[in-house]
Protein backbone atom coordinates (compact mmCIF):
# COMPACT_ATOMS: atom_id res chain seq x y z
CA MET A 1 -13.44 18.47 -6.31
CA THR A 2 -14.86 17.74 -2.89
CA HIS A 3 -12.82 18.22 0.26
CA HIS A 4 -13.09 14.50 1.04
CA LEU A 5 -11.77 13.55 -2.41
CA GLN A 6 -8.88 15.99 -2.04
CA GLU A 7 -7.97 14.40 1.32
CA LEU A 8 -7.98 10.92 -0.26
CA ILE A 9 -5.72 12.08 -3.08
CA GLU A 10 -3.27 13.62 -0.61
CA ALA A 11 -3.27 10.46 1.50
CA GLY A 12 -2.51 8.43 -1.62
CA ARG A 13 0.43 10.65 -2.46
CA ARG A 14 1.95 10.10 0.97
CA ALA A 15 1.42 6.32 1.04
CA PRO A 16 4.72 4.46 0.59
CA PHE A 17 5.14 1.87 -2.16
CA SER A 18 6.41 -1.57 -1.24
CA LYS A 19 9.27 -3.00 -3.29
CA ASP A 20 6.83 -5.35 -5.07
CA GLU A 21 4.38 -2.53 -5.83
CA ARG A 22 7.17 -0.38 -7.24
CA GLU A 23 8.37 -3.26 -9.45
CA ALA A 24 4.84 -3.90 -10.70
CA GLN A 25 4.48 -0.20 -11.50
CA ARG A 26 7.83 -0.18 -13.33
CA ARG A 27 6.85 -3.16 -15.46
CA SER A 28 3.44 -1.70 -16.20
CA PHE A 29 5.07 1.56 -17.30
CA ALA A 30 7.53 -0.30 -19.53
CA TYR A 31 4.75 -2.37 -21.10
CA GLY A 32 2.47 0.59 -21.67
CA ASN A 33 5.15 2.67 -23.35
CA THR A 34 6.61 -0.08 -25.52
CA HIS A 35 3.26 -1.58 -26.53
CA ILE A 36 2.19 1.80 -27.94
CA GLU A 37 5.13 1.69 -30.33
CA ASN A 38 5.01 -2.04 -31.07
CA GLU A 39 1.82 -3.97 -30.42
CA ARG A 40 3.73 -7.28 -30.60
CA ILE A 41 5.28 -6.50 -27.19
CA THR A 42 3.64 -8.61 -24.48
CA ARG A 43 3.60 -8.42 -20.71
CA GLN A 44 5.43 -11.75 -20.70
CA MET A 45 8.27 -10.20 -22.71
CA ILE A 46 8.52 -7.37 -20.19
CA ASP A 47 8.59 -9.85 -17.30
CA GLU A 48 11.31 -11.91 -18.99
CA GLN A 49 13.51 -8.86 -19.58
CA ALA A 50 12.97 -7.64 -16.02
CA ALA A 51 14.05 -11.05 -14.72
CA LEU A 52 17.21 -10.86 -16.84
CA LEU A 53 17.97 -7.40 -15.49
CA ASP A 54 17.67 -8.75 -11.95
CA LEU A 55 20.35 -11.33 -12.77
CA GLU A 56 22.86 -8.75 -14.03
CA PRO A 57 25.25 -7.19 -11.53
CA SER A 58 24.24 -3.66 -10.66
CA ASP A 59 26.48 -0.80 -11.73
CA ARG A 60 24.86 1.53 -9.21
């Protein structure tokens, strides 16, 4: 790995995620993992469930 590439990777690790980027990553992770087990799962289904979770009061 070149020194320049290593610097870019390190910079990427330190870059903060916005709230929207983190949510997109969370949904992508959920889709990727569930679709492996059940190919009928769609991105739309993930988005719908995420929207429902946003409506529920947080227990945190």
